[in-house]
Amino acid sequence: MKGALERVRIYAEQAVEMLENSDPLAMADFQVELQIYNHLAGILFELKDYEGAIKYAQLAIDEAIDKQSLYLLDALYFILGRAEHVLHRENALQDLTVAKTLALIRHHPEIIVQVDQQLAE
């Protein structure tokens, strides 16, 4: 299992390097870009790289807000809030609340349940 996690970490680091070295204008599809950042933030969270998870979730949130899109914002705020919660940051509760509100708007009951579970801890 440890070897598998190390391989995942290497792949995640390679993905980060590719993203950082690519031209953002070369991204063909805005939603694909957000999906990549969402998955990357989730992987980094699972690898306990909470700062990395926050970085890529926030980057995607900023992109979505800039494009005036709600796409994946509930999931992104959920990852952001969870990572901030682990790091005992003050704005974790606010970001989890935003995630739940957006999940209600976007009709994503699975995120609502996960946020409620996180808030109960």
PDB file of N, CA and C in Angstrom:
ATOM      1  N   MET A   1       0.829  -1.196   0.000  1.00  0.00           N
ATOM      2  CA  MET A   1       0.000   0.000   0.000  1.00  0.00           C
ATOM      3  C   MET A   1       0.871   1.256   0.000  1.00  0.00           C
ATOM      4  N   LYS A   2       1.954   1.229   0.793  1.00  0.00           N
ATOM      5  CA  LYS A   2       2.830   2.397   0.846  1.00  0.00           C
ATOM      6  C   LYS A   2       3.429   2.680  -0.523  1.00  0.00           C
ATOM      7  N   GLY A   3       3.819   1.649  -1.242  1.00  0.00           N
ATOM      8  CA  GLY A   3       4.361   1.830  -2.579  1.00  0.00           C
ATOM      9  C   GLY A   3       3.337   2.430  -3.523  1.00  0.00           C
ATOM     10  N   ALA A   4       2.083   2.019  -3.394  1.00  0.00           N
ATOM     11  CA  ALA A   4       1.021   2.559  -4.245  1.00  0.00           C
ATOM     12  C   ALA A   4       0.803   4.037  -3.955  1.00  0.00           C
ATOM     13  N   LEU A   5       0.802   4.402  -2.684  1.00  0.00           N
ATOM     14  CA  LEU A   5       0.629   5.815  -2.328  1.00  0.00           C
ATOM     15  C   LEU A   5       1.796   6.658  -2.835  1.00  0.00           C
ATOM     16  N   GLU A   6       2.982   6.098  -2.797  1.00  0.00           N
ATOM     17  CA  GLU A   6       4.144   6.838  -3.296  1.00  0.00           C
ATOM     18  C   GLU A   6       4.037   7.049  -4.810  1.00  0.00           C
ATOM     19  N   ARG A   7       3.554   6.033  -5.532  1.00  0.00           N
ATOM     20  CA  ARG A   7       3.353   6.185  -6.982  1.00  0.00           C
ATOM     21  C   ARG A   7       2.306   7.255  -7.262  1.00  0.00           C
ATOM     22  N   VAL A   8       1.233   7.273  -6.478  1.00  0.00           N
ATOM     23  CA  VAL A   8       0.193   8.298  -6.646  1.00  0.00           C
ATOM     24  C   VAL A   8       0.790   9.677  -6.405  1.00  0.00           C
ATOM     25  N   ARG A   9       1.605   9.799  -5.373  1.00  0.00           N
ATOM     26  CA  ARG A   9       2.252  11.083  -5.077  1.00  0.00           C
ATOM     27  C   ARG A   9       3.128  11.532  -6.249  1.00  0.00           C
ATOM     28  N   ILE A  10       3.875  10.603  -6.830  1.00  0.00           N
ATOM     29  CA  ILE A  10       4.728  10.937  -7.977  1.00  0.00           C
ATOM     30  C   ILE A  10       3.876  11.391  -9.152  1.00  0.00           C
ATOM     31  N   TYR A  11       2.784  10.672  -9.428  1.00  0.00           N
ATOM     32  CA  TYR A  11       1.904  11.061 -10.536  1.00  0.00           C
ATOM     33  C   TYR A  11       1.263  12.422 -10.274  1.00  0.00           C
ATOM     34  N   ALA A  12       0.870  12.658  -9.044  1.00  0.00           N
ATOM     35  CA  ALA A  12       0.272  13.957  -8.700  1.00  0.00           C
ATOM     36  C   ALA A  12       1.292  15.076  -8.885  1.00  0.00           C
ATOM     37  N   GLU A  13       2.526  14.839  -8.456  1.00  0.00           N
ATOM     38  CA  GLU A  13       3.574  15.850  -8.629  1.00  0.00           C
ATOM     39  C   GLU A  13       3.856  16.106 -10.107  1.00  0.00           C
ATOM     40  N   GLN A  14       3.822  15.057 -10.915  1.00  0.00           N
ATOM     41  CA  GLN A  14       4.013  15.229 -12.352  1.00  0.00           C
ATOM     42  C   GLN A  14       2.861  16.020 -12.963  1.00  0.00           C
ATOM     43  N   ALA A  15       1.642  15.739 -12.520  1.00  0.00           N
ATOM     44  CA  ALA A  15       0.480  16.477 -13.017  1.00  0.00           C
ATOM     45  C   ALA A  15       0.581  17.949 -12.640  1.00  0.00           C
ATOM     46  N   VAL A  16       1.003  18.217 -11.415  1.00  0.00           N
ATOM     47  CA  VAL A  16       1.182  19.603 -10.970  1.00  0.00           C
ATOM     48  C   VAL A  16       2.213  20.297 -11.847  1.00  0.00           C
ATOM     49  N   GLU A  17       3.331  19.619 -12.101  1.00  0.00           N
ATOM     50  CA  GLU A  17       4.384  20.205 -12.938  1.00  0.00           C
ATOM     51  C   GLU A  17       3.866  20.485 -14.350  1.00  0.00           C
ATOM     52  N   MET A  18       3.098  19.561 -14.900  1.00  0.00           N
ATOM     53  CA  MET A  18       2.542  19.763 -16.240  1.00  0.00           C
ATOM     54  C   MET A  18       1.586  20.951 -16.261  1.00  0.00           C
ATOM     55  N   LEU A  19       0.749  21.053 -15.235  1.00  0.00           N
ATOM     56  CA  LEU A  19      -0.201  22.167 -15.169  1.00  0.00           C
ATOM     57  C   LEU A  19       0.522  23.501 -15.027  1.00  0.00           C
ATOM     58  N   GLU A  20       1.528  23.527 -14.182  1.00  0.00           N
ATOM     59  CA  GLU A  20       2.249  24.778 -13.946  1.00  0.00           C
ATOM     60  C   GLU A  20       3.055  25.214 -15.161  1.00  0.00           C
ATOM     61  N   ASN A  21       3.470  24.267 -15.983  1.00  0.00           N
ATOM     62  CA  ASN A  21       4.279  24.594 -17.158  1.00  0.00           C
ATOM     63  C   ASN A  21       3.456  24.757 -18.431  1.00  0.00           C
ATOM     64  N   SER A  22       2.148  24.530 -18.346  1.00  0.00           N
ATOM     65  CA  SER A  22       1.328  24.648 -19.549  1.00  0.00           C
ATOM     66  C   SER A  22       0.742  26.044 -19.662  1.00  0.00           C
ATOM     67  N   ASP A  23       0.426  26.411 -20.866  1.00  0.00           N
ATOM     68  CA  ASP A  23      -0.190  27.699 -21.155  1.00  0.00           C
ATOM     69  C   ASP A  23      -1.677  27.590 -20.832  1.00  0.00           C
ATOM     70  N   PRO A  24      -2.179  28.410 -19.911  1.00  0.00           N
ATOM     71  CA  PRO A  24      -3.593  28.317 -19.556  1.00  0.00           C
ATOM     72  C   PRO A  24      -4.514  28.521 -20.751  1.00  0.00           C
ATOM     73  N   LEU A  25      -4.065  29.289 -21.733  1.00  0.00           N
ATOM     74  CA  LEU A  25      -4.893  29.502 -22.910  1.00  0.00           C
ATOM     75  C   LEU A  25      -4.976  28.254 -23.778  1.00  0.00           C
ATOM     76  N   ALA A  26      -4.048  27.324 -23.562  1.00  0.00           N
ATOM     77  CA  ALA A  26      -4.062  26.090 -24.335  1.00  0.00           C
ATOM     78  C   ALA A  26      -5.138  25.121 -23.843  1.00  0.00           C
ATOM     79  N   MET A  27      -5.664  25.358 -22.658  1.00  0.00           N
ATOM     80  CA  MET A  27      -6.733  24.511 -22.148  1.00  0.00           C
ATOM     81  C   MET A  27      -7.937  24.666 -23.066  1.00  0.00           C
ATOM     82  N   ALA A  28      -8.346  23.575 -23.665  1.00  0.00           N
ATOM     83  CA  ALA A  28      -9.404  23.637 -24.670  1.00  0.00           C
ATOM     84  C   ALA A  28     -10.777  23.871 -24.049  1.00  0.00           C
ATOM     85  N   ASP A  29     -10.979  23.433 -22.842  1.00  0.00           N
ATOM     86  CA  ASP A  29     -12.305  23.483 -22.264  1.00  0.00           C
ATOM     87  C   ASP A  29     -12.214  23.907 -20.797  1.00  0.00           C
ATOM     88  N   PHE A  30     -12.924  24.942 -20.461  1.00  0.00           N
ATOM     89  CA  PHE A  30     -12.938  25.474 -19.096  1.00  0.00           C
ATOM     90  C   PHE A  30     -13.382  24.418 -18.086  1.00  0.00           C
ATOM     91  N   GLN A  31     -14.425  23.645 -18.414  1.00  0.00           N
ATOM     92  CA  GLN A  31     -14.911  22.635 -17.479  1.00  0.00           C
ATOM     93  C   GLN A  31     -13.888  21.527 -17.268  1.00  0.00           C
ATOM     94  N   VAL A  32     -13.167  21.174 -18.305  1.00  0.00           N
ATOM     95  CA  VAL A  32     -12.112  20.163 -18.164  1.00  0.00           C
ATOM     96  C   VAL A  32     -11.008  20.687 -17.247  1.00  0.00           C
ATOM     97  N   GLU A  33     -10.672  21.957 -17.416  1.00  0.00           N
ATOM     98  CA  GLU A  33      -9.665  22.572 -16.554  1.00  0.00           C
ATOM     99  C   GLU A  33     -10.095  22.500 -15.093  1.00  0.00           C
ATOM    100  N   LEU A  34     -11.342  22.843 -14.818  1.00  0.00           N
ATOM    101  CA  LEU A  34     -11.837  22.780 -13.437  1.00  0.00           C
ATOM    102  C   LEU A  34     -11.857  21.349 -12.918  1.00  0.00           C
ATOM    103  N   GLN A  35     -12.207  20.399 -13.774  1.00  0.00           N
ATOM    104  CA  GLN A  35     -12.209  18.997 -13.357  1.00  0.00           C
ATOM    105  C   GLN A  35     -10.802  18.540 -12.980  1.00  0.00           C
ATOM    106  N   ILE A  36      -9.827  18.956 -13.758  1.00  0.00           N
ATOM    107  CA  ILE A  36      -8.434  18.588 -13.464  1.00  0.00           C
ATOM    108  C   ILE A  36      -8.020  19.135 -12.103  1.00  0.00           C
ATOM    109  N   TYR A  37      -8.289  20.421 -11.875  1.00  0.00           N
ATOM    110  CA  TYR A  37      -7.923  21.022 -10.592  1.00  0.00           C
ATOM    111  C   TYR A  37      -8.696  20.391  -9.438  1.00  0.00           C
ATOM    112  N   ASN A  38      -9.959  20.065  -9.662  1.00  0.00           N
ATOM    113  CA  ASN A  38     -10.770  19.422  -8.631  1.00  0.00           C
ATOM    114  C   ASN A  38     -10.191  18.060  -8.263  1.00  0.00           C
ATOM    115  N   HIS A  39      -9.877  17.248  -9.270  1.00  0.00           N
ATOM    116  CA  HIS A  39      -9.303  15.931  -9.000  1.00  0.00           C
ATOM    117  C   HIS A  39      -7.934  16.045  -8.345  1.00  0.00           C
ATOM    118  N   LEU A  40      -7.144  16.977  -8.822  1.00  0.00           N
ATOM    119  CA  LEU A  40      -5.820  17.176  -8.245  1.00  0.00           C
ATOM    120  C   LEU A  40      -5.923  17.598  -6.782  1.00  0.00           C
ATOM    121  N   ALA A  41      -6.806  18.526  -6.481  1.00  0.00           N
ATOM    122  CA  ALA A  41      -7.001  18.954  -5.089  1.00  0.00           C
ATOM    123  C   ALA A  41      -7.461  17.780  -4.227  1.00  0.00           C
ATOM    124  N   GLY A  42      -8.354  16.961  -4.759  1.00  0.00           N
ATOM    125  CA  GLY A  42      -8.826  15.789  -4.021  1.00  0.00           C
ATOM    126  C   GLY A  42      -7.725  14.779  -3.767  1.00  0.00           C
ATOM    127  N   ILE A  43      -6.891  14.537  -4.775  1.00  0.00           N
ATOM    128  CA  ILE A  43      -5.772  13.605  -4.620  1.00  0.00           C
ATOM    129  C   ILE A  43      -4.788  14.134  -3.577  1.00  0.00           C
ATOM    130  N   LEU A  44      -4.465  15.407  -3.674  1.00  0.00           N
ATOM    131  CA  LEU A  44      -3.523  15.987  -2.707  1.00  0.00           C
ATOM    132  C   LEU A  44      -4.092  15.939  -1.293  1.00  0.00           C
ATOM    133  N   PHE A  45      -5.404  16.149  -1.153  1.00  0.00           N
ATOM    134  CA  PHE A  45      -6.023  16.038   0.166  1.00  0.00           C
ATOM    135  C   PHE A  45      -5.849  14.621   0.708  1.00  0.00           C
ATOM    136  N   GLU A  46      -6.131  13.624  -0.123  1.00  0.00           N
ATOM    137  CA  GLU A  46      -6.001  12.232   0.308  1.00  0.00           C
ATOM    138  C   GLU A  46      -4.556  11.884   0.653  1.00  0.00           C
ATOM    139  N   LEU A  47      -3.606  12.541  -0.003  1.00  0.00           N
ATOM    140  CA  LEU A  47      -2.192  12.320   0.297  1.00  0.00           C
ATOM    141  C   LEU A  47      -1.717  13.150   1.489  1.00  0.00           C
ATOM    142  N   LYS A  48      -2.667  13.852   2.115  1.00  0.00           N
ATOM    143  CA  LYS A  48      -2.395  14.688   3.289  1.00  0.00           C
ATOM    144  C   LYS A  48      -1.521  15.901   2.960  1.00  0.00           C
ATOM    145  N   ASP A  49      -1.527  16.299   1.702  1.00  0.00           N
ATOM    146  CA  ASP A  49      -0.874  17.540   1.288  1.00  0.00           C
ATOM    147  C   ASP A  49      -1.969  18.610   1.281  1.00  0.00           C
ATOM    148  N   TYR A  50      -2.317  19.055   2.480  1.00  0.00           N
ATOM    149  CA  TYR A  50      -3.454  19.964   2.636  1.00  0.00           C
ATOM    150  C   TYR A  50      -3.191  21.337   2.024  1.00  0.00           C
ATOM    151  N   GLU A  51      -1.971  21.806   2.099  1.00  0.00           N
ATOM    152  CA  GLU A  51      -1.637  23.091   1.476  1.00  0.00           C
ATOM    153  C   GLU A  51      -1.791  23.007  -0.043  1.00  0.00           C
ATOM    154  N   GLY A  52      -1.351  21.896  -0.622  1.00  0.00           N
ATOM    155  CA  GLY A  52      -1.514  21.698  -2.057  1.00  0.00           C
ATOM    156  C   GLY A  52      -2.979  21.606  -2.449  1.00  0.00           C
ATOM    157  N   ALA A  53      -3.763  20.897  -1.644  1.00  0.00           N
ATOM    158  CA  ALA A  53      -5.200  20.787  -1.911  1.00  0.00           C
ATOM    159  C   ALA A  53      -5.855  22.160  -1.873  1.00  0.00           C
ATOM    160  N   ILE A  54      -5.478  22.966  -0.889  1.00  0.00           N
ATOM    161  CA  ILE A  54      -6.022  24.319  -0.775  1.00  0.00           C
ATOM    162  C   ILE A  54      -5.612  25.149  -1.989  1.00  0.00           C
ATOM    163  N   LYS A  55      -4.364  25.042  -2.372  1.00  0.00           N
ATOM    164  CA  LYS A  55      -3.859  25.828  -3.501  1.00  0.00           C
ATOM    165  C   LYS A  55      -4.658  25.558  -4.776  1.00  0.00           C
ATOM    166  N   TYR A  56      -4.864  24.285  -5.111  1.00  0.00           N
ATOM    167  CA  TYR A  56      -5.527  23.966  -6.374  1.00  0.00           C
ATOM    168  C   TYR A  56      -7.041  24.117  -6.294  1.00  0.00           C
ATOM    169  N   ALA A  57      -7.620  23.882  -5.136  1.00  0.00           N
ATOM    170  CA  ALA A  57      -9.052  24.158  -4.989  1.00  0.00           C
ATOM    171  C   ALA A  57      -9.305  25.651  -5.135  1.00  0.00           C
ATOM    172  N   GLN A  58      -8.478  26.466  -4.493  1.00  0.00           N
ATOM    173  CA  GLN A  58      -8.648  27.923  -4.564  1.00  0.00           C
ATOM    174  C   GLN A  58      -8.412  28.437  -5.982  1.00  0.00           C
ATOM    175  N   LEU A  59      -7.422  27.869  -6.660  1.00  0.00           N
ATOM    176  CA  LEU A  59      -7.149  28.272  -8.034  1.00  0.00           C
ATOM    177  C   LEU A  59      -8.376  28.014  -8.913  1.00  0.00           C
ATOM    178  N   ALA A  60      -8.976  26.844  -8.771  1.00  0.00           N
ATOM    179  CA  ALA A  60     -10.164  26.497  -9.558  1.00  0.00           C
ATOM    180  C   ALA A  60     -11.351  27.375  -9.173  1.00  0.00           C
ATOM    181  N   ILE A  61     -11.510  27.647  -7.879  1.00  0.00           N
ATOM    182  CA  ILE A  61     -12.598  28.519  -7.422  1.00  0.00           C
ATOM    183  C   ILE A  61     -12.453  29.902  -8.041  1.00  0.00           C
ATOM    184  N   ASP A  62     -11.243  30.419  -8.024  1.00  0.00           N
ATOM    185  CA  ASP A  62     -10.996  31.738  -8.614  1.00  0.00           C
ATOM    186  C   ASP A  62     -11.325  31.751 -10.107  1.00  0.00           C
ATOM    187  N   GLU A  63     -10.952  30.669 -10.812  1.00  0.00           N
ATOM    188  CA  GLU A  63     -11.257  30.563 -12.245  1.00  0.00           C
ATOM    189  C   GLU A  63     -12.764  30.532 -12.482  1.00  0.00           C
ATOM    190  N   ALA A  64     -13.476  29.735 -11.682  1.00  0.00           N
ATOM    191  CA  ALA A  64     -14.925  29.631 -11.845  1.00  0.00           C
ATOM    192  C   ALA A  64     -15.608  30.971 -11.573  1.00  0.00           C
ATOM    193  N   ILE A  65     -15.170  31.636 -10.525  1.00  0.00           N
ATOM    194  CA  ILE A  65     -15.751  32.942 -10.199  1.00  0.00           C
ATOM    195  C   ILE A  65     -15.463  33.946 -11.307  1.00  0.00           C
ATOM    196  N   ASP A  66     -14.239  33.907 -11.827  1.00  0.00           N
ATOM    197  CA  ASP A  66     -13.859  34.804 -12.911  1.00  0.00           C
ATOM    198  C   ASP A  66     -14.741  34.593 -14.146  1.00  0.00           C
ATOM    199  N   LYS A  67     -15.116  33.330 -14.392  1.00  0.00           N
ATOM    200  CA  LYS A  67     -15.953  33.003 -15.548  1.00  0.00           C
ATOM    201  C   LYS A  67     -17.444  33.027 -15.198  1.00  0.00           C
ATOM    202  N   GLN A  68     -17.756  33.423 -13.952  1.00  0.00           N
ATOM    203  CA  GLN A  68     -19.138  33.495 -13.463  1.00  0.00           C
ATOM    204  C   GLN A  68     -19.861  32.155 -13.632  1.00  0.00           C
ATOM    205  N   SER A  69     -19.186  31.091 -13.193  1.00  0.00           N
ATOM    206  CA  SER A  69     -19.704  29.738 -13.327  1.00  0.00           C
ATOM    207  C   SER A  69     -19.850  29.087 -11.956  1.00  0.00           C
ATOM    208  N   LEU A  70     -20.908  28.321 -11.797  1.00  0.00           N
ATOM    209  CA  LEU A  70     -21.096  27.538 -10.573  1.00  0.00           C
ATOM    210  C   LEU A  70     -20.531  26.126 -10.715  1.00  0.00           C
ATOM    211  N   TYR A  71     -20.008  25.808 -11.893  1.00  0.00           N
ATOM    212  CA  TYR A  71     -19.547  24.455 -12.180  1.00  0.00           C
ATOM    213  C   TYR A  71     -18.498  24.000 -11.165  1.00  0.00           C
ATOM    214  N   LEU A  72     -18.799  22.918 -10.474  1.00  0.00           N
ATOM    215  CA  LEU A  72     -17.931  22.268  -9.481  1.00  0.00           C
ATOM    216  C   LEU A  72     -17.633  23.103  -8.241  1.00  0.00           C
ATOM    217  N   LEU A  73     -18.236  24.283  -8.118  1.00  0.00           N
ATOM    218  CA  LEU A  73     -17.904  25.126  -6.964  1.00  0.00           C
ATOM    219  C   LEU A  73     -18.245  24.452  -5.638  1.00  0.00           C
ATOM    220  N   ASP A  74     -19.336  23.697  -5.581  1.00  0.00           N
ATOM    221  CA  ASP A  74     -19.678  23.030  -4.330  1.00  0.00           C
ATOM    222  C   ASP A  74     -18.611  22.015  -3.939  1.00  0.00           C
ATOM    223  N   ALA A  75     -18.153  21.228  -4.893  1.00  0.00           N
ATOM    224  CA  ALA A  75     -17.113  20.227  -4.615  1.00  0.00           C
ATOM    225  C   ALA A  75     -15.792  20.892  -4.256  1.00  0.00           C
ATOM    226  N   LEU A  76     -15.463  21.962  -4.956  1.00  0.00           N
ATOM    227  CA  LEU A  76     -14.206  22.666  -4.692  1.00  0.00           C
ATOM    228  C   LEU A  76     -14.206  23.313  -3.309  1.00  0.00           C
ATOM    229  N   TYR A  77     -15.310  23.958  -2.945  1.00  0.00           N
ATOM    230  CA  TYR A  77     -15.390  24.554  -1.607  1.00  0.00           C
ATOM    231  C   TYR A  77     -15.375  23.474  -0.529  1.00  0.00           C
ATOM    232  N   PHE A  78     -15.915  22.295  -0.832  1.00  0.00           N
ATOM    233  CA  PHE A  78     -15.893  21.199   0.137  1.00  0.00           C
ATOM    234  C   PHE A  78     -14.454  20.745   0.395  1.00  0.00           C
ATOM    235  N   ILE A  79     -13.680  20.560  -0.670  1.00  0.00           N
ATOM    236  CA  ILE A  79     -12.270  20.181  -0.498  1.00  0.00           C
ATOM    237  C   ILE A  79     -11.532  21.282   0.254  1.00  0.00           C
ATOM    238  N   LEU A  80     -11.766  22.527  -0.141  1.00  0.00           N
ATOM    239  CA  LEU A  80     -11.111  23.657   0.511  1.00  0.00           C
ATOM    240  C   LEU A  80     -11.444  23.684   2.006  1.00  0.00           C
ATOM    241  N   GLY A  81     -12.714  23.560   2.337  1.00  0.00           N
ATOM    242  CA  GLY A  81     -13.139  23.589   3.741  1.00  0.00           C
ATOM    243  C   GLY A  81     -12.578  22.436   4.555  1.00  0.00           C
ATOM    244  N   ARG A  82     -12.547  21.249   3.955  1.00  0.00           N
ATOM    245  CA  ARG A  82     -11.993  20.087   4.657  1.00  0.00           C
ATOM    246  C   ARG A  82     -10.511  20.280   4.952  1.00  0.00           C
ATOM    247  N   ALA A  83      -9.771  20.749   3.947  1.00  0.00           N
ATOM    248  CA  ALA A  83      -8.327  20.948   4.147  1.00  0.00           C
ATOM    249  C   ALA A  83      -8.083  22.028   5.195  1.00  0.00           C
ATOM    250  N   GLU A  84      -8.855  23.100   5.136  1.00  0.00           N
ATOM    251  CA  GLU A  84      -8.705  24.169   6.130  1.00  0.00           C
ATOM    252  C   GLU A  84      -9.076  23.674   7.523  1.00  0.00           C
ATOM    253  N   HIS A  85     -10.079  22.797   7.599  1.00  0.00           N
ATOM    254  CA  HIS A  85     -10.488  22.234   8.890  1.00  0.00           C
ATOM    255  C   HIS A  85      -9.339  21.431   9.510  1.00  0.00           C
ATOM    256  N   VAL A  86      -8.684  20.609   8.692  1.00  0.00           N
ATOM    257  CA  VAL A  86      -7.558  19.804   9.185  1.00  0.00           C
ATOM    258  C   VAL A  86      -6.437  20.712   9.699  1.00  0.00           C
ATOM    259  N   LEU A  87      -6.255  21.842   9.016  1.00  0.00           N
ATOM    260  CA  LEU A  87      -5.191  22.781   9.405  1.00  0.00           C
ATOM    261  C   LEU A  87      -5.658  23.789  10.460  1.00  0.00           C
ATOM    262  N   HIS A  88      -6.882  23.614  10.947  1.00  0.00           N
ATOM    263  CA  HIS A  88      -7.457  24.466  11.997  1.00  0.00           C
ATOM    264  C   HIS A  88      -7.508  25.939  11.603  1.00  0.00           C
ATOM    265  N   ARG A  89      -7.895  26.188  10.373  1.00  0.00           N
ATOM    266  CA  ARG A  89      -8.012  27.573   9.904  1.00  0.00           C
ATOM    267  C   ARG A  89      -9.418  28.089  10.170  1.00  0.00           C
ATOM    268  N   GLU A  90      -9.478  29.378  10.472  1.00  0.00           N
ATOM    269  CA  GLU A  90     -10.742  30.001  10.860  1.00  0.00           C
ATOM    270  C   GLU A  90     -11.813  29.933   9.779  1.00  0.00           C
ATOM    271  N   ASN A  91     -11.437  30.037   8.518  1.00  0.00           N
ATOM    272  CA  ASN A  91     -12.431  30.114   7.457  1.00  0.00           C
ATOM    273  C   ASN A  91     -12.935  28.749   6.994  1.00  0.00           C
ATOM    274  N   ALA A  92     -12.558  27.668   7.659  1.00  0.00           N
ATOM    275  CA  ALA A  92     -13.021  26.334   7.284  1.00  0.00           C
ATOM    276  C   ALA A  92     -14.542  26.233   7.383  1.00  0.00           C
ATOM    277  N   LEU A  93     -15.103  26.712   8.471  1.00  0.00           N
ATOM    278  CA  LEU A  93     -16.557  26.645   8.649  1.00  0.00           C
ATOM    279  C   LEU A  93     -17.275  27.449   7.566  1.00  0.00           C
ATOM    280  N   GLN A  94     -16.759  28.607   7.253  1.00  0.00           N
ATOM    281  CA  GLN A  94     -17.364  29.442   6.214  1.00  0.00           C
ATOM    282  C   GLN A  94     -17.335  28.724   4.863  1.00  0.00           C
ATOM    283  N   ASP A  95     -16.204  28.124   4.511  1.00  0.00           N
ATOM    284  CA  ASP A  95     -16.098  27.451   3.218  1.00  0.00           C
ATOM    285  C   ASP A  95     -16.951  26.190   3.156  1.00  0.00           C
ATOM    286  N   LEU A  96     -17.069  25.474   4.264  1.00  0.00           N
ATOM    287  CA  LEU A  96     -17.959  24.316   4.295  1.00  0.00           C
ATOM    288  C   LEU A  96     -19.418  24.745   4.153  1.00  0.00           C
ATOM    289  N   THR A  97     -19.771  25.862   4.758  1.00  0.00           N
ATOM    290  CA  THR A  97     -21.132  26.392   4.632  1.00  0.00           C
ATOM    291  C   THR A  97     -21.414  26.819   3.198  1.00  0.00           C
ATOM    292  N   VAL A  98     -20.444  27.444   2.555  1.00  0.00           N
ATOM    293  CA  VAL A  98     -20.592  27.815   1.139  1.00  0.00           C
ATOM    294  C   VAL A  98     -20.771  26.557   0.296  1.00  0.00           C
ATOM    295  N   ALA A  99     -19.984  25.515   0.579  1.00  0.00           N
ATOM    296  CA  ALA A  99     -20.102  24.249  -0.155  1.00  0.00           C
ATOM    297  C   ALA A  99     -21.505  23.681  -0.029  1.00  0.00           C
ATOM    298  N   LYS A 100     -22.044  23.696   1.187  1.00  0.00           N
ATOM    299  CA  LYS A 100     -23.388  23.151   1.395  1.00  0.00           C
ATOM    300  C   LYS A 100     -24.440  23.991   0.678  1.00  0.00           C
ATOM    301  N   THR A 101     -24.318  25.298   0.758  1.00  0.00           N
ATOM    302  CA  THR A 101     -25.278  26.181   0.088  1.00  0.00           C
ATOM    303  C   THR A 101     -25.252  25.955  -1.422  1.00  0.00           C
ATOM    304  N   LEU A 102     -24.060  25.888  -1.991  1.00  0.00           N
ATOM    305  CA  LEU A 102     -23.941  25.643  -3.430  1.00  0.00           C
ATOM    306  C   LEU A 102     -24.457  24.256  -3.803  1.00  0.00           C
ATOM    307  N   ALA A 103     -24.235  23.270  -2.952  1.00  0.00           N
ATOM    308  CA  ALA A 103     -24.750  21.916  -3.215  1.00  0.00           C
ATOM    309  C   ALA A 103     -26.277  21.904  -3.198  1.00  0.00           C
ATOM    310  N   LEU A 104     -26.868  22.700  -2.322  1.00  0.00           N
ATOM    311  CA  LEU A 104     -28.331  22.819  -2.314  1.00  0.00           C
ATOM    312  C   LEU A 104     -28.828  23.430  -3.623  1.00  0.00           C
ATOM    313  N   ILE A 105     -28.151  24.476  -4.069  1.00  0.00           N
ATOM    314  CA  ILE A 105     -28.528  25.150  -5.316  1.00  0.00           C
ATOM    315  C   ILE A 105     -28.344  24.220  -6.513  1.00  0.00           C
ATOM    316  N   ARG A 106     -27.245  23.479  -6.519  1.00  0.00           N
ATOM    317  CA  ARG A 106     -26.905  22.627  -7.667  1.00  0.00           C
ATOM    318  C   ARG A 106     -27.510  21.228  -7.561  1.00  0.00           C
ATOM    319  N   HIS A 107     -28.252  20.963  -6.485  1.00  0.00           N
ATOM    320  CA  HIS A 107     -28.925  19.667  -6.283  1.00  0.00           C
ATOM    321  C   HIS A 107     -27.934  18.507  -6.246  1.00  0.00           C
ATOM    322  N   HIS A 108     -26.963  18.621  -5.332  1.00  0.00           N
ATOM    323  CA  HIS A 108     -25.971  17.570  -5.121  1.00  0.00           C
ATOM    324  C   HIS A 108     -26.075  17.053  -3.681  1.00  0.00           C
ATOM    325  N   PRO A 109     -27.040  16.155  -3.440  1.00  0.00           N
ATOM    326  CA  PRO A 109     -27.266  15.686  -2.062  1.00  0.00           C
ATOM    327  C   PRO A 109     -26.066  14.982  -1.440  1.00  0.00           C
ATOM    328  N   GLU A 110     -25.214  14.349  -2.271  1.00  0.00           N
ATOM    329  CA  GLU A 110     -24.055  13.649  -1.702  1.00  0.00           C
ATOM    330  C   GLU A 110     -23.088  14.628  -1.050  1.00  0.00           C
ATOM    331  N   ILE A 111     -22.927  15.802  -1.611  1.00  0.00           N
ATOM    332  CA  ILE A 111     -22.047  16.797  -1.008  1.00  0.00           C
ATOM    333  C   ILE A 111     -22.684  17.354   0.260  1.00  0.00           C
ATOM    334  N   ILE A 112     -24.001  17.537   0.239  1.00  0.00           N
ATOM    335  CA  ILE A 112     -24.707  18.027   1.436  1.00  0.00           C
ATOM    336  C   ILE A 112     -24.482  17.059   2.596  1.00  0.00           C
ATOM    337  N   VAL A 113     -24.622  15.778   2.340  1.00  0.00           N
ATOM    338  CA  VAL A 113     -24.428  14.763   3.382  1.00  0.00           C
ATOM    339  C   VAL A 113     -22.985  14.800   3.892  1.00  0.00           C
ATOM    340  N   GLN A 114     -22.030  14.900   2.979  1.00  0.00           N
ATOM    341  CA  GLN A 114     -20.617  14.915   3.374  1.00  0.00           C
ATOM    342  C   GLN A 114     -20.289  16.170   4.195  1.00  0.00           C
ATOM    343  N   VAL A 115     -20.837  17.302   3.803  1.00  0.00           N
ATOM    344  CA  VAL A 115     -20.593  18.531   4.569  1.00  0.00           C
ATOM    345  C   VAL A 115     -21.204  18.402   5.962  1.00  0.00           C
ATOM    346  N   ASP A 116     -22.425  17.872   6.034  1.00  0.00           N
ATOM    347  CA  ASP A 116     -23.062  17.692   7.344  1.00  0.00           C
ATOM    348  C   ASP A 116     -22.232  16.770   8.227  1.00  0.00           C
ATOM    349  N   GLN A 117     -21.669  15.720   7.658  1.00  0.00           N
ATOM    350  CA  GLN A 117     -20.815  14.811   8.423  1.00  0.00           C
ATOM    351  C   GLN A 117     -19.560  15.534   8.909  1.00  0.00           C
ATOM    352  N   GLN A 118     -18.969  16.343   8.035  1.00  0.00           N
ATOM    353  CA  GLN A 118     -17.766  17.093   8.408  1.00  0.00           C
ATOM    354  C   GLN A 118     -18.078  18.082   9.516  1.00  0.00           C
ATOM    355  N   LEU A 119     -19.215  18.773   9.415  1.00  0.00           N
ATOM    356  CA  LEU A 119     -19.594  19.760  10.422  1.00  0.00           C
ATOM    357  C   LEU A 119     -19.916  19.103  11.767  1.00  0.00           C
ATOM    358  N   ALA A 120     -20.364  17.865  11.743  1.00  0.00           N
ATOM    359  CA  ALA A 120     -20.694  17.157  12.987  1.00  0.00           C
ATOM    360  C   ALA A 120     -19.443  16.741  13.757  1.00  0.00           C
ATOM    361  N   GLU A 121     -18.307  16.690  13.084  1.00  0.00           N
ATOM    362  CA  GLU A 121     -17.058  16.276  13.756  1.00  0.00           C
ATOM    363  C   GLU A 121     -16.507  17.334  14.668  1.00  0.00           C
TER     364      GLU A 121
END
